[in-house]
N, C-alpha and C. Protein backbone atom coordinates (compact mmCIF):
# COMPACT_ATOMS: atom_id res chain seq x y z
N UNK A 1 -9.80 4.52 16.51
CA UNK A 1 -7.96 3.93 17.00
C UNK A 1 -7.69 2.58 15.91
N UNK A 2 -9.10 1.76 15.25
CA UNK A 2 -8.43 1.88 14.56
C UNK A 2 -8.14 2.38 13.36
N UNK A 3 -8.83 2.68 13.39
CA UNK A 3 -8.95 4.28 11.58
C UNK A 3 -7.79 4.71 11.90
N UNK A 4 -7.01 5.45 12.91
CA UNK A 4 -5.44 6.23 13.15
C UNK A 4 -4.89 5.49 13.03
N UNK A 5 -4.78 3.27 13.51
CA UNK A 5 -3.48 2.75 13.40
C UNK A 5 -3.35 2.80 11.43
N UNK A 6 -4.70 2.15 10.71
CA UNK A 6 -4.43 1.89 9.35
C UNK A 6 -3.81 3.08 8.73
N UNK A 7 -4.12 4.58 9.37
CA UNK A 7 -3.94 5.78 8.33
C UNK A 7 -1.44 5.89 8.56
N UNK A 8 -1.66 5.43 9.95
CA UNK A 8 -0.28 5.38 10.18
C UNK A 8 0.20 4.05 8.85
N UNK A 9 0.07 2.96 9.09
CA UNK A 9 0.39 2.37 8.18
C UNK A 9 0.49 2.65 6.76
N UNK A 10 -0.57 3.13 6.14
CA UNK A 10 -0.93 3.91 4.39
C UNK A 10 0.16 4.70 4.80
N UNK A 11 0.81 5.67 5.85
CA UNK A 11 1.97 6.33 5.58
C UNK A 11 2.97 6.20 5.63
N UNK A 12 3.33 4.88 6.44
CA UNK A 12 4.69 4.27 5.86
C UNK A 12 4.53 3.94 4.63
N UNK A 13 3.80 2.98 4.12
CA UNK A 13 3.59 2.01 2.77
C UNK A 13 4.14 3.54 1.39
N UNK A 14 3.16 4.85 1.68
CA UNK A 14 2.45 5.41 1.15
C UNK A 14 4.92 6.07 0.07
N UNK A 15 5.81 6.05 0.89
CA UNK A 15 6.47 6.80 1.02
C UNK A 15 7.95 5.10 0.37
N UNK A 16 7.56 4.20 0.78
CA UNK A 16 7.83 3.10 0.30
C UNK A 16 7.51 3.08 -1.41
N UNK A 17 6.03 2.90 -1.28
CA UNK A 17 5.76 2.70 -2.68
C UNK A 17 6.32 3.53 -3.58
N UNK A 18 6.44 4.56 -3.26
CA UNK A 18 6.54 5.74 -4.43
C UNK A 18 8.44 5.69 -4.68
N UNK A 19 8.91 5.06 -4.08
CA UNK A 19 10.42 4.38 -4.36
C UNK A 19 10.61 3.21 -5.12
N UNK A 20 9.58 2.60 -5.03
CA UNK A 20 9.10 1.16 -5.48
C UNK A 20 8.97 1.48 -7.10
N UNK A 21 8.48 2.91 -7.85
CA UNK A 21 7.88 2.94 -8.69
C UNK A 21 9.50 3.91 -9.51
N UNK A 22 11.18 3.45 -9.10
CA UNK A 22 12.10 3.92 -9.83
C UNK A 22 12.36 2.87 -10.08
N UNK A 23 12.68 3.06 -11.38
CA UNK A 23 13.24 1.71 -11.95
C UNK A 23 14.14 0.54 -11.62
N UNK A 24 13.96 -0.35 -10.97
CA UNK A 24 14.89 -1.52 -11.17
C UNK A 24 14.59 -1.82 -9.67
N UNK A 25 13.70 -0.81 -8.81
CA UNK A 25 13.40 -0.66 -7.90
C UNK A 25 11.97 -1.59 -7.58
N UNK A 26 11.48 -2.27 -8.41
CA UNK A 26 9.71 -2.61 -8.24
C UNK A 26 9.90 -4.44 -6.91
N UNK A 27 10.26 -4.63 -6.88
CA UNK A 27 10.63 -5.76 -6.03
C UNK A 27 10.59 -5.01 -4.99
N UNK A 28 10.43 -3.55 -3.68
CA UNK A 28 9.98 -3.21 -3.01
C UNK A 28 8.74 -3.27 -2.87
N UNK A 29 7.62 -3.53 -4.30
CA UNK A 29 5.92 -3.84 -4.30
C UNK A 29 6.16 -4.71 -3.64
N UNK A 30 6.79 -5.63 -3.49
CA UNK A 30 6.78 -6.91 -2.69
C UNK A 30 6.64 -6.96 -1.42
N UNK A 31 7.29 -6.16 -0.63
CA UNK A 31 6.95 -5.86 0.59
C UNK A 31 6.07 -4.62 1.07
N UNK A 32 5.52 -3.83 0.28
CA UNK A 32 4.53 -2.79 0.50
C UNK A 32 3.28 -3.85 0.20
N UNK A 33 3.31 -4.40 -0.41
CA UNK A 33 1.55 -4.47 -1.07
C UNK A 33 0.78 -5.54 0.63
N UNK A 34 1.96 -6.77 0.65
CA UNK A 34 1.35 -7.07 2.36
C UNK A 34 0.77 -6.06 3.04
N UNK A 35 1.96 -5.26 3.43
CA UNK A 35 1.25 -3.70 3.88
C UNK A 35 0.08 -3.68 4.14
N UNK A 36 0.11 -2.94 2.89
CA UNK A 36 -1.20 -1.79 2.75
C UNK A 36 -2.50 -3.18 2.82
N UNK A 37 -2.06 -4.33 2.70
CA UNK A 37 -3.35 -4.83 2.83
C UNK A 37 -4.07 -5.37 4.23
N UNK A 38 -2.53 -5.28 5.29
CA UNK A 38 -2.62 -4.97 6.82
C UNK A 38 -3.45 -3.72 6.87
N UNK A 39 -2.77 -2.42 6.44
CA UNK A 39 -3.75 -1.99 6.69
C UNK A 39 -5.06 -1.31 6.37
N UNK A 40 -5.04 -1.99 4.72
CA UNK A 40 -6.47 -2.36 4.31
C UNK A 40 -7.60 -3.01 5.40
N UNK A 41 -6.67 -4.53 5.63
CA UNK A 41 -7.93 -4.95 6.64
C UNK A 41 -8.48 -4.12 8.08
N UNK A 42 -7.55 -3.21 8.60
CA UNK A 42 -7.67 -2.13 10.04
C UNK A 42 -8.43 -1.66 9.49
N UNK A 43 -8.59 -0.76 8.41
CA UNK A 43 -9.25 0.37 7.93
C UNK A 43 -10.72 -0.31 7.78
N UNK A 44 -11.07 -1.46 6.78
CA UNK A 44 -12.74 -2.61 7.35
C UNK A 44 -12.78 -2.14 8.20
N UNK A 45 -12.17 -2.69 9.08
CA UNK A 45 -13.18 -3.12 11.00
C UNK A 45 -12.91 -1.61 11.61
N UNK A 46 -12.61 -0.47 11.03
CA UNK A 46 -12.88 0.93 11.72
C UNK A 46 -14.25 1.51 10.81
N UNK A 47 -14.52 2.22 11.85
CA UNK A 47 -15.93 2.91 11.36
C UNK A 47 -15.48 4.31 10.16
N UNK A 48 -14.34 4.26 10.36
CA UNK A 48 -14.22 5.57 9.22
C UNK A 48 -13.39 5.11 8.11
N UNK A 49 -13.49 5.86 6.64
CA UNK A 49 -12.86 5.38 5.62
C UNK A 49 -11.33 5.92 5.11
N UNK A 50 -11.18 6.91 6.11
CA UNK A 50 -9.62 7.26 5.46
C UNK A 50 -8.85 6.32 5.07
N UNK A 51 -8.52 5.45 6.87
CA UNK A 51 -7.43 4.91 6.10
C UNK A 51 -7.56 3.82 5.29
N UNK A 52 -8.50 2.88 5.07
CA UNK A 52 -8.87 1.88 3.69
C UNK A 52 -9.08 2.52 2.50
N UNK A 53 -9.44 3.75 2.13
CA UNK A 53 -8.96 4.41 1.19
C UNK A 53 -7.40 4.59 0.77
N UNK A 54 -6.88 5.19 1.41
CA UNK A 54 -5.52 5.07 1.44
C UNK A 54 -4.44 4.35 0.88
N UNK A 55 -4.76 2.69 2.18
CA UNK A 55 -4.25 2.01 1.92
C UNK A 55 -4.78 1.04 0.85
N UNK A 56 -5.91 1.67 0.30
CA UNK A 56 -6.56 0.92 -1.36
C UNK A 56 -5.50 0.96 -2.26
N UNK A 57 -5.41 2.83 -2.07
CA UNK A 57 -4.91 3.77 -3.36
C UNK A 57 -3.17 2.76 -3.44
N UNK A 58 -2.49 2.98 -2.31
CA UNK A 58 -1.20 2.44 -1.94
C UNK A 58 -1.25 1.06 -2.67
N UNK A 59 -2.05 0.00 -2.40
CA UNK A 59 -2.31 -1.13 -3.01
C UNK A 59 -1.84 -1.33 -4.20
N UNK A 60 -3.08 -0.59 -4.78
CA UNK A 60 -3.56 -0.71 -6.56
C UNK A 60 -2.60 0.14 -6.84
N UNK A 61 -1.73 0.64 -6.43
CA UNK A 61 -0.95 1.57 -7.72
C UNK A 61 1.27 0.59 -7.62
N UNK A 62 0.79 -0.10 -6.31
CA UNK A 62 1.86 -1.13 -6.23
C UNK A 62 1.24 -2.38 -7.09
N UNK A 63 0.28 -2.81 -7.49
CA UNK A 63 -0.05 -3.52 -8.03
C UNK A 63 0.06 -3.66 -9.13
N UNK A 64 -0.53 -2.61 -10.06
CA UNK A 64 -0.44 -1.75 -11.58
C UNK A 64 1.28 -1.79 -11.55
N UNK A 65 2.09 -1.59 -10.82
CA UNK A 65 3.42 -1.17 -10.82
C UNK A 65 3.90 -2.91 -11.50
N UNK A 66 3.60 -3.31 -10.66
CA UNK A 66 4.08 -5.20 -11.09
C UNK A 66 3.55 -5.44 -11.86
N UNK A 67 2.20 -4.94 -12.18
CA UNK A 67 1.29 -5.84 -13.31
C UNK A 67 2.39 -5.16 -14.67
N UNK A 68 2.58 -4.08 -15.02
CA UNK A 68 3.14 -2.91 -16.05
C UNK A 68 4.27 -3.97 -16.29
N UNK A 69 5.64 -3.93 -15.09
CA UNK A 69 6.27 -4.70 -14.79
C UNK A 69 6.98 -6.42 -15.18
N UNK A 70 5.75 -6.80 -15.47
CA UNK A 70 5.56 -8.25 -15.40
C UNK A 70 6.00 -9.07 -14.51
N UNK A 71 5.35 -8.61 -12.94
CA UNK A 71 6.26 -9.29 -11.85
C UNK A 71 7.10 -9.83 -11.46
N UNK A 72 7.66 -9.04 -12.76
CA UNK A 72 9.86 -9.11 -12.16
C UNK A 72 9.90 -8.53 -11.28
N UNK A 73 10.42 -6.51 -11.55
CA UNK A 73 11.43 -6.41 -11.14
C UNK A 73 10.49 -5.04 -11.34
């Protein structure tokens, strides 16, 4: 059940993260990364790795985007 919830959170965070890749919308990553971390925690508590892996990818892409943008936008 926790894995299903983690996948659901990841599916919600993924399109928001893709929107945050657009220039001047990088601030959305400040909302996406905490959501992905919550999904990551739920995925870590479950037996399966699918939700955890999805949220790891979302969080890493969001963090990379923020890092490349100088944590501004």
